[in-house]
C-alpha atoms as a PDB file:
ATOM      1  CA  MET A   1      94.037 110.710 116.869  1.00  0.00           C
ATOM      2  CA  GLN A   2      95.871 107.321 117.464  1.00  0.00           C
ATOM      3  CA  VAL A   3      99.262 107.019 116.991  1.00  0.00           C
ATOM      4  CA  PHE A   4     101.132 103.667 116.922  1.00  0.00           C
ATOM      5  CA  VAL A   5     103.838 101.548 115.631  1.00  0.00           C
ATOM      6  CA  SER A   6     103.052  98.839 113.061  1.00  0.00           C
ATOM      7  CA  LYS A   7     105.264  96.687 110.822  1.00  0.00           C
ATOM      8  CA  VAL A   8     103.856  96.152 107.059  1.00  0.00           C
ATOM      9  CA  ARG A   9     102.971  92.433 106.921  1.00  0.00           C
ATOM     10  CA  PRO A  10     101.762  90.054 103.917  1.00  0.00           C
ATOM     11  CA  LEU A  11      98.062  89.785 103.619  1.00  0.00           C
ATOM     12  CA  GLY A  12      97.146  87.262 100.745  1.00  0.00           C
ATOM     13  CA  SER A  13      98.606  88.843  97.869  1.00  0.00           C
ATOM     14  CA  SER A  14      98.985  92.242  98.946  1.00  0.00           C
ATOM     15  CA  LEU A  15     100.664  93.822 102.129  1.00  0.00           C
ATOM     16  CA  GLY A  16      98.589  95.324 105.177  1.00  0.00           C
ATOM     17  CA  VAL A  17      98.934  96.699 108.660  1.00  0.00           C
ATOM     18  CA  ILE A  18      97.286  95.481 111.855  1.00  0.00           C
ATOM     19  CA  ILE A  19      95.740  97.375 114.109  1.00  0.00           C
ATOM     20  CA  PRO A  20      95.804  96.257 117.588  1.00  0.00           C
ATOM     21  CA  LYS A  21      92.159  95.573 119.040  1.00  0.00           C
ATOM     22  CA  GLU A  22      92.252  98.503 121.400  1.00  0.00           C
ATOM     23  CA  ILE A  23      92.650 101.113 119.032  1.00  0.00           C
ATOM     24  CA  LEU A  24      89.823  99.944 116.861  1.00  0.00           C
ATOM     25  CA  LYS A  25      87.841  99.718 120.289  1.00  0.00           C
ATOM     26  CA  GLU A  26      88.816 103.261 121.516  1.00  0.00           C
ATOM     27  CA  ALA A  27      88.241 104.421 117.859  1.00  0.00           C
ATOM     28  CA  ASN A  28      85.098 102.918 117.549  1.00  0.00           C
ATOM     29  CA  LEU A  29      86.554 101.083 114.216  1.00  0.00           C
ATOM     30  CA  SER A  30      85.425  97.869 112.640  1.00  0.00           C
ATOM     31  CA  GLU A  31      85.756  96.171 109.804  1.00  0.00           C
ATOM     32  CA  GLY A  32      84.983  98.067 106.312  1.00  0.00           C
ATOM     33  CA  SER A  33      85.768 101.367 108.306  1.00  0.00           C
ATOM     34  CA  GLU A  34      86.942 103.709 106.193  1.00  0.00           C
ATOM     35  CA  ILE A  35      90.422 105.420 107.953  1.00  0.00           C
ATOM     36  CA  ARG A  36      92.789 107.627 106.865  1.00  0.00           C
ATOM     37  CA  LEU A  37      96.627 106.940 107.402  1.00  0.00           C
ATOM     38  CA  ASN A  38      99.707 109.328 107.610  1.00  0.00           C
ATOM     39  CA  ILE A  39     102.501 107.060 106.569  1.00  0.00           C
ATOM     40  CA  VAL A  40     105.823 108.531 108.521  1.00  0.00           C
ATOM     41  CA  ASN A  41     109.171 107.475 107.081  1.00  0.00           C
ATOM     42  CA  THR A  42     111.509 105.895 109.326  1.00  0.00           C
ATOM     43  CA  ASP A  43     114.393 105.629 107.358  1.00  0.00           C
ATOM     44  CA  TYR A  44     117.401 107.173 109.464  1.00  0.00           C
ATOM     45  CA  SER A  45     120.152 107.261 106.953  1.00  0.00           C
ATOM     46  CA  ALA A  46     120.303 110.872 106.210  1.00  0.00           C
ATOM     47  CA  LEU A  47     120.168 111.428 109.803  1.00  0.00           C
ATOM     48  CA  ASP A  48     123.152 108.974 110.665  1.00  0.00           C
ATOM     49  CA  ARG A  49     125.471 110.488 107.971  1.00  0.00           C
ATOM     50  CA  LEU A  50     124.570 114.143 109.354  1.00  0.00           C
ATOM     51  CA  MET A  51     125.440 112.540 113.035  1.00  0.00           C
ATOM     52  CA  GLY A  52     128.437 110.803 111.506  1.00  0.00           C
ATOM     53  CA  SER A  53     129.958 114.521 110.642  1.00  0.00           C
ATOM     54  CA  MET A  54     129.848 115.444 114.076  1.00  0.00           C
ATOM     55  CA  LYS A  55     132.218 112.889 115.221  1.00  0.00           C
ATOM     56  CA  GLY A  56     135.036 115.050 117.067  1.00  0.00           C
ATOM     57  CA  ALA A  57     132.412 117.893 117.924  1.00  0.00           C
ATOM     58  CA  LYS A  58     133.170 118.964 121.326  1.00  0.00           C
ATOM     59  CA  PRO A  59     130.058 118.189 124.011  1.00  0.00           C
ATOM     60  CA  PHE A  60     127.345 120.536 124.321  1.00  0.00           C
ATOM     61  CA  VAL A  61     127.909 122.744 127.355  1.00  0.00           C
ATOM     62  CA  ARG A  62     124.718 124.341 128.530  1.00  0.00           C
ATOM     63  CA  ASP A  63     125.155 128.232 129.032  1.00  0.00           C
ATOM     64  CA  ARG A  64     122.039 128.473 131.628  1.00  0.00           C
ATOM     65  CA  PRO A  65     120.258 126.100 134.058  1.00  0.00           C
ATOM     66  CA  LEU A  66     117.053 124.650 132.916  1.00  0.00           C
ATOM     67  CA  PRO A  67     113.948 126.040 134.879  1.00  0.00           C
ATOM     68  CA  HIS A  68     113.041 124.029 137.697  1.00  0.00           C
ATOM     69  CA  ARG A  69     109.929 121.777 136.500  1.00  0.00           C
ATOM     70  CA  ARG A  70     107.319 120.003 138.769  1.00  0.00           C
END
């Protein structure tokens, strides 16, 4: 599965998503290939409202050190 970010663009009288050439090659796709598209909504307004409600909150304080990572 390949994940990438792309903008919806006008294609004739429709809208489309451009898939980068490198992704097409890696996934062995060509014109006419059938794909499954998972659309993720990037509307962060609800998150912005939530974070706005946290104004004035005390900073996070870690109660124990993180384990050492290599």
